């Protein structure tokens, strides 16, 4: 299992109640695909203060990093 985790939740993300900050997938490819899509959604629809990007941090983890704009 590969886990996608959000490094830090900003206020905008916390207000988006329909998005989980952690999810698990069977493969690294599936986890990265989800993380990229989630970052795109957060960046375009929820948060104007931060930029989110996925980063592989371990064999069984993809971390979504929060960067100030």
PDB file of N, CA and C in Angstrom:
ATOM      1  N   UNK A   1       0.832  -1.184   0.000  1.00  0.00           N
ATOM      2  CA  UNK A   1       0.000   0.000   0.000  1.00  0.00           C
ATOM      3  C   UNK A   1       0.882   1.256   0.000  1.00  0.00           C
ATOM      4  N   UNK A   2       0.430   2.224  -0.746  1.00  0.00           N
ATOM      5  CA  UNK A   2       1.115   3.514  -0.830  1.00  0.00           C
ATOM      6  C   UNK A   2       0.149   4.579  -0.310  1.00  0.00           C
ATOM      7  N   UNK A   3       0.620   5.388   0.633  1.00  0.00           N
ATOM      8  CA  UNK A   3      -0.223   6.401   1.256  1.00  0.00           C
ATOM      9  C   UNK A   3       0.100   7.778   0.706  1.00  0.00           C
ATOM     10  N   UNK A   4      -0.945   8.530   0.387  1.00  0.00           N
ATOM     11  CA  UNK A   4      -0.820   9.936  -0.002  1.00  0.00           C
ATOM     12  C   UNK A   4      -1.213  10.754   1.219  1.00  0.00           C
ATOM     13  N   UNK A   5      -0.297  11.635   1.659  1.00  0.00           N
ATOM     14  CA  UNK A   5      -0.549  12.450   2.848  1.00  0.00           C
ATOM     15  C   UNK A   5      -0.336  13.921   2.518  1.00  0.00           C
ATOM     16  N   UNK A   6      -1.129  14.761   3.136  1.00  0.00           N
ATOM     17  CA  UNK A   6      -0.948  16.197   3.029  1.00  0.00           C
ATOM     18  C   UNK A   6       0.004  16.625   4.130  1.00  0.00           C
ATOM     19  N   UNK A   7       1.099  17.299   3.762  1.00  0.00           N
ATOM     20  CA  UNK A   7       2.117  17.699   4.725  1.00  0.00           C
ATOM     21  C   UNK A   7       1.536  18.608   5.802  1.00  0.00           C
ATOM     22  N   UNK A   8       0.755  19.590   5.392  1.00  0.00           N
ATOM     23  CA  UNK A   8       0.177  20.554   6.321  1.00  0.00           C
ATOM     24  C   UNK A   8      -1.137  21.049   5.731  1.00  0.00           C
ATOM     25  N   UNK A   9      -2.166  21.119   6.558  1.00  0.00           N
ATOM     26  CA  UNK A   9      -3.467  21.595   6.100  1.00  0.00           C
ATOM     27  C   UNK A   9      -3.592  23.094   6.377  1.00  0.00           C
ATOM     28  N   UNK A  10      -3.781  23.865   5.324  1.00  0.00           N
ATOM     29  CA  UNK A  10      -4.042  25.290   5.499  1.00  0.00           C
ATOM     30  C   UNK A  10      -5.534  25.476   5.763  1.00  0.00           C
ATOM     31  N   UNK A  11      -5.948  26.660   6.130  1.00  0.00           N
ATOM     32  CA  UNK A  11      -7.346  26.934   6.424  1.00  0.00           C
ATOM     33  C   UNK A  11      -8.262  26.659   5.252  1.00  0.00           C
ATOM     34  N   UNK A  12      -7.814  26.969   4.047  1.00  0.00           N
ATOM     35  CA  UNK A  12      -8.632  26.727   2.848  1.00  0.00           C
ATOM     36  C   UNK A  12      -8.896  25.243   2.666  1.00  0.00           C
ATOM     37  N   UNK A  13      -7.884  24.435   2.888  1.00  0.00           N
ATOM     38  CA  UNK A  13      -8.056  22.989   2.753  1.00  0.00           C
ATOM     39  C   UNK A  13      -9.009  22.463   3.818  1.00  0.00           C
ATOM     40  N   UNK A  14      -8.881  22.957   5.037  1.00  0.00           N
ATOM     41  CA  UNK A  14      -9.765  22.509   6.116  1.00  0.00           C
ATOM     42  C   UNK A  14     -11.220  22.835   5.809  1.00  0.00           C
ATOM     43  N   UNK A  15     -11.463  23.927   5.097  1.00  0.00           N
ATOM     44  CA  UNK A  15     -12.825  24.306   4.727  1.00  0.00           C
ATOM     45  C   UNK A  15     -13.398  23.398   3.640  1.00  0.00           C
ATOM     46  N   UNK A  16     -12.550  22.725   2.885  1.00  0.00           N
ATOM     47  CA  UNK A  16     -12.993  21.799   1.835  1.00  0.00           C
ATOM     48  C   UNK A  16     -13.272  20.448   2.480  1.00  0.00           C
ATOM     49  N   UNK A  17     -14.425  20.296   3.043  1.00  0.00           N
ATOM     50  CA  UNK A  17     -14.747  19.125   3.868  1.00  0.00           C
ATOM     51  C   UNK A  17     -14.836  17.820   3.095  1.00  0.00           C
ATOM     52  N   UNK A  18     -14.948  17.878   1.798  1.00  0.00           N
ATOM     53  CA  UNK A  18     -15.135  16.648   1.021  1.00  0.00           C
ATOM     54  C   UNK A  18     -13.815  16.046   0.531  1.00  0.00           C
ATOM     55  N   UNK A  19     -12.678  16.560   0.993  1.00  0.00           N
ATOM     56  CA  UNK A  19     -11.380  16.036   0.569  1.00  0.00           C
ATOM     57  C   UNK A  19     -10.639  15.492   1.790  1.00  0.00           C
ATOM     58  N   UNK A  20     -10.172  14.254   1.690  1.00  0.00           N
ATOM     59  CA  UNK A  20      -9.413  13.638   2.784  1.00  0.00           C
ATOM     60  C   UNK A  20      -7.943  14.041   2.696  1.00  0.00           C
ATOM     61  N   UNK A  21      -7.306  14.221   3.846  1.00  0.00           N
ATOM     62  CA  UNK A  21      -5.897  14.594   3.864  1.00  0.00           C
ATOM     63  C   UNK A  21      -4.970  13.382   3.770  1.00  0.00           C
ATOM     64  N   UNK A  22      -5.543  12.173   3.790  1.00  0.00           N
ATOM     65  CA  UNK A  22      -4.734  10.954   3.671  1.00  0.00           C
ATOM     66  C   UNK A  22      -5.559   9.862   2.995  1.00  0.00           C
ATOM     67  N   UNK A  23      -4.944   9.211   1.998  1.00  0.00           N
ATOM     68  CA  UNK A  23      -5.602   8.102   1.290  1.00  0.00           C
ATOM     69  C   UNK A  23      -4.546   7.053   0.951  1.00  0.00           C
ATOM     70  N   UNK A  24      -4.975   5.814   0.796  1.00  0.00           N
ATOM     71  CA  UNK A  24      -4.060   4.714   0.464  1.00  0.00           C
ATOM     72  C   UNK A  24      -4.421   4.112  -0.885  1.00  0.00           C
ATOM     73  N   UNK A  25      -3.386   3.652  -1.595  1.00  0.00           N
ATOM     74  CA  UNK A  25      -3.538   3.077  -2.931  1.00  0.00           C
ATOM     75  C   UNK A  25      -2.685   1.817  -3.040  1.00  0.00           C
ATOM     76  N   UNK A  26      -3.031   0.968  -4.006  1.00  0.00           N
ATOM     77  CA  UNK A  26      -2.312  -0.285  -4.201  1.00  0.00           C
ATOM     78  C   UNK A  26      -0.949  -0.078  -4.852  1.00  0.00           C
ATOM     79  N   UNK A  27      -0.821   0.947  -5.708  1.00  0.00           N
ATOM     80  CA  UNK A  27       0.442   1.154  -6.426  1.00  0.00           C
ATOM     81  C   UNK A  27       0.918   2.596  -6.288  1.00  0.00           C
ATOM     82  N   UNK A  28       2.204   2.793  -6.508  1.00  0.00           N
ATOM     83  CA  UNK A  28       2.805   4.121  -6.477  1.00  0.00           C
ATOM     84  C   UNK A  28       2.250   4.978  -7.621  1.00  0.00           C
ATOM     85  N   UNK A  29       2.049   4.366  -8.780  1.00  0.00           N
ATOM     86  CA  UNK A  29       1.498   5.113  -9.916  1.00  0.00           C
ATOM     87  C   UNK A  29       0.106   5.653  -9.612  1.00  0.00           C
ATOM     88  N   UNK A  30      -0.738   4.832  -9.014  1.00  0.00           N
ATOM     89  CA  UNK A  30      -2.090   5.268  -8.665  1.00  0.00           C
ATOM     90  C   UNK A  30      -2.050   6.386  -7.620  1.00  0.00           C
ATOM     91  N   UNK A  31      -1.135   6.264  -6.656  1.00  0.00           N
ATOM     92  CA  UNK A  31      -0.996   7.290  -5.623  1.00  0.00           C
ATOM     93  C   UNK A  31      -0.532   8.620  -6.225  1.00  0.00           C
ATOM     94  N   UNK A  32       0.436   8.566  -7.132  1.00  0.00           N
ATOM     95  CA  UNK A  32       0.933   9.800  -7.758  1.00  0.00           C
ATOM     96  C   UNK A  32      -0.133  10.438  -8.640  1.00  0.00           C
ATOM     97  N   UNK A  33      -0.884   9.626  -9.351  1.00  0.00           N
ATOM     98  CA  UNK A  33      -1.952  10.146 -10.195  1.00  0.00           C
ATOM     99  C   UNK A  33      -2.996  10.876  -9.344  1.00  0.00           C
ATOM    100  N   UNK A  34      -3.378  10.268  -8.250  1.00  0.00           N
ATOM    101  CA  UNK A  34      -4.334  10.905  -7.331  1.00  0.00           C
ATOM    102  C   UNK A  34      -3.751  12.192  -6.746  1.00  0.00           C
ATOM    103  N   UNK A  35      -2.489  12.140  -6.289  1.00  0.00           N
ATOM    104  CA  UNK A  35      -1.860  13.302  -5.669  1.00  0.00           C
ATOM    105  C   UNK A  35      -1.765  14.472  -6.645  1.00  0.00           C
ATOM    106  N   UNK A  36      -1.409  14.200  -7.882  1.00  0.00           N
ATOM    107  CA  UNK A  36      -1.326  15.265  -8.894  1.00  0.00           C
ATOM    108  C   UNK A  36      -2.692  15.895  -9.144  1.00  0.00           C
ATOM    109  N   UNK A  37      -3.723  15.061  -9.241  1.00  0.00           N
ATOM    110  CA  UNK A  37      -5.073  15.571  -9.447  1.00  0.00           C
ATOM    111  C   UNK A  37      -5.570  16.366  -8.250  1.00  0.00           C
ATOM    112  N   UNK A  38      -5.271  15.869  -7.047  1.00  0.00           N
ATOM    113  CA  UNK A  38      -5.668  16.578  -5.839  1.00  0.00           C
ATOM    114  C   UNK A  38      -4.976  17.935  -5.748  1.00  0.00           C
ATOM    115  N   UNK A  39      -3.691  17.973  -6.063  1.00  0.00           N
ATOM    116  CA  UNK A  39      -2.953  19.244  -6.044  1.00  0.00           C
ATOM    117  C   UNK A  39      -3.552  20.231  -7.042  1.00  0.00           C
ATOM    118  N   UNK A  40      -3.880  19.755  -8.217  1.00  0.00           N
ATOM    119  CA  UNK A  40      -4.480  20.616  -9.235  1.00  0.00           C
ATOM    120  C   UNK A  40      -5.796  21.203  -8.717  1.00  0.00           C
ATOM    121  N   UNK A  41      -6.624  20.356  -8.118  1.00  0.00           N
ATOM    122  CA  UNK A  41      -7.907  20.805  -7.585  1.00  0.00           C
ATOM    123  C   UNK A  41      -7.729  21.825  -6.469  1.00  0.00           C
ATOM    124  N   UNK A  42      -6.854  21.533  -5.524  1.00  0.00           N
ATOM    125  CA  UNK A  42      -6.624  22.453  -4.404  1.00  0.00           C
ATOM    126  C   UNK A  42      -6.077  23.781  -4.917  1.00  0.00           C
ATOM    127  N   UNK A  43      -5.094  23.722  -5.812  1.00  0.00           N
ATOM    128  CA  UNK A  43      -4.464  24.942  -6.319  1.00  0.00           C
ATOM    129  C   UNK A  43      -5.437  25.808  -7.110  1.00  0.00           C
ATOM    130  N   UNK A  44      -6.338  25.182  -7.862  1.00  0.00           N
ATOM    131  CA  UNK A  44      -7.238  25.940  -8.729  1.00  0.00           C
ATOM    132  C   UNK A  44      -8.537  26.360  -8.042  1.00  0.00           C
ATOM    133  N   UNK A  45      -9.013  25.571  -7.085  1.00  0.00           N
ATOM    134  CA  UNK A  45     -10.354  25.823  -6.547  1.00  0.00           C
ATOM    135  C   UNK A  45     -10.408  26.253  -5.092  1.00  0.00           C
ATOM    136  N   UNK A  46      -9.385  25.940  -4.300  1.00  0.00           N
ATOM    137  CA  UNK A  46      -9.520  26.182  -2.867  1.00  0.00           C
ATOM    138  C   UNK A  46      -8.541  27.203  -2.296  1.00  0.00           C
ATOM    139  N   UNK A  47      -7.315  27.166  -2.704  1.00  0.00           N
ATOM    140  CA  UNK A  47      -6.306  27.950  -1.993  1.00  0.00           C
ATOM    141  C   UNK A  47      -5.616  28.958  -2.905  1.00  0.00           C
ATOM    142  N   UNK A  48      -5.644  30.213  -2.506  1.00  0.00           N
ATOM    143  CA  UNK A  48      -4.947  31.248  -3.248  1.00  0.00           C
ATOM    144  C   UNK A  48      -3.667  31.700  -2.555  1.00  0.00           C
ATOM    145  N   UNK A  49      -3.448  31.237  -1.336  1.00  0.00           N
ATOM    146  CA  UNK A  49      -2.275  31.643  -0.555  1.00  0.00           C
ATOM    147  C   UNK A  49      -1.094  30.693  -0.713  1.00  0.00           C
ATOM    148  N   UNK A  50      -1.389  29.432  -1.011  1.00  0.00           N
ATOM    149  CA  UNK A  50      -0.342  28.412  -1.069  1.00  0.00           C
ATOM    150  C   UNK A  50      -0.379  27.678  -2.398  1.00  0.00           C
ATOM    151  N   UNK A  51       0.722  26.985  -2.670  1.00  0.00           N
ATOM    152  CA  UNK A  51       0.833  26.116  -3.837  1.00  0.00           C
ATOM    153  C   UNK A  51       1.123  24.720  -3.306  1.00  0.00           C
ATOM    154  N   UNK A  52       0.411  23.732  -3.796  1.00  0.00           N
ATOM    155  CA  UNK A  52       0.594  22.352  -3.366  1.00  0.00           C
ATOM    156  C   UNK A  52       1.201  21.546  -4.503  1.00  0.00           C
ATOM    157  N   UNK A  53       2.166  20.666  -4.164  1.00  0.00           N
ATOM    158  CA  UNK A  53       2.774  19.813  -5.176  1.00  0.00           C
ATOM    159  C   UNK A  53       3.102  18.457  -4.555  1.00  0.00           C
ATOM    160  N   UNK A  54       2.968  17.379  -5.331  1.00  0.00           N
ATOM    161  CA  UNK A  54       3.286  16.047  -4.801  1.00  0.00           C
ATOM    162  C   UNK A  54       4.786  15.778  -4.847  1.00  0.00           C
ATOM    163  N   UNK A  55       5.256  15.027  -3.863  1.00  0.00           N
ATOM    164  CA  UNK A  55       6.668  14.637  -3.819  1.00  0.00           C
ATOM    165  C   UNK A  55       6.757  13.220  -3.266  1.00  0.00           C
ATOM    166  N   UNK A  56       7.523  12.369  -3.938  1.00  0.00           N
ATOM    167  CA  UNK A  56       7.752  11.014  -3.438  1.00  0.00           C
ATOM    168  C   UNK A  56       8.727  11.111  -2.273  1.00  0.00           C
ATOM    169  N   UNK A  57       8.310  10.636  -1.102  1.00  0.00           N
ATOM    170  CA  UNK A  57       9.168  10.740   0.076  1.00  0.00           C
ATOM    171  C   UNK A  57       9.679   9.390   0.561  1.00  0.00           C
ATOM    172  N   UNK A  58       8.986   8.316   0.185  1.00  0.00           N
ATOM    173  CA  UNK A  58       9.399   6.965   0.569  1.00  0.00           C
ATOM    174  C   UNK A  58       8.752   5.986  -0.404  1.00  0.00           C
ATOM    175  N   UNK A  59       9.164   4.725  -0.337  1.00  0.00           N
ATOM    176  CA  UNK A  59       8.596   3.720  -1.236  1.00  0.00           C
ATOM    177  C   UNK A  59       7.097   3.551  -1.034  1.00  0.00           C
ATOM    178  N   UNK A  60       6.639   3.815   0.182  1.00  0.00           N
ATOM    179  CA  UNK A  60       5.229   3.594   0.483  1.00  0.00           C
ATOM    180  C   UNK A  60       4.479   4.885   0.815  1.00  0.00           C
ATOM    181  N   UNK A  61       5.032   6.043   0.345  1.00  0.00           N
ATOM    182  CA  UNK A  61       4.409   7.319   0.696  1.00  0.00           C
ATOM    183  C   UNK A  61       4.628   8.380  -0.382  1.00  0.00           C
ATOM    184  N   UNK A  62       3.583   9.160  -0.614  1.00  0.00           N
ATOM    185  CA  UNK A  62       3.663  10.358  -1.456  1.00  0.00           C
ATOM    186  C   UNK A  62       3.176  11.499  -0.581  1.00  0.00           C
ATOM    187  N   UNK A  63       4.020  12.518  -0.395  1.00  0.00           N
ATOM    188  CA  UNK A  63       3.674  13.647   0.447  1.00  0.00           C
ATOM    189  C   UNK A  63       3.265  14.830  -0.437  1.00  0.00           C
ATOM    190  N   UNK A  64       2.156  15.461  -0.092  1.00  0.00           N
ATOM    191  CA  UNK A  64       1.751  16.677  -0.788  1.00  0.00           C
ATOM    192  C   UNK A  64       2.314  17.848  -0.003  1.00  0.00           C
ATOM    193  N   UNK A  65       3.265  18.532  -0.621  1.00  0.00           N
ATOM    194  CA  UNK A  65       3.977  19.625   0.026  1.00  0.00           C
ATOM    195  C   UNK A  65       3.232  20.942  -0.142  1.00  0.00           C
ATOM    196  N   UNK A  66       3.248  21.768   0.886  1.00  0.00           N
ATOM    197  CA  UNK A  66       2.628  23.079   0.870  1.00  0.00           C
ATOM    198  C   UNK A  66       3.730  24.134   0.745  1.00  0.00           C
ATOM    199  N   UNK A  67       3.597  25.009  -0.242  1.00  0.00           N
ATOM    200  CA  UNK A  67       4.593  26.048  -0.502  1.00  0.00           C
ATOM    201  C   UNK A  67       3.876  27.390  -0.514  1.00  0.00           C
ATOM    202  N   UNK A  68       4.417  28.386   0.179  1.00  0.00           N
ATOM    203  CA  UNK A  68       3.832  29.733   0.118  1.00  0.00           C
ATOM    204  C   UNK A  68       4.017  30.319  -1.252  1.00  0.00           C
ATOM    205  N   UNK A  69       2.980  31.012  -1.749  1.00  0.00           N
ATOM    206  CA  UNK A  69       3.059  31.637  -3.072  1.00  0.00           C
ATOM    207  C   UNK A  69       3.795  32.936  -2.989  1.00  0.00           C
TER     208      UNK A  69
END
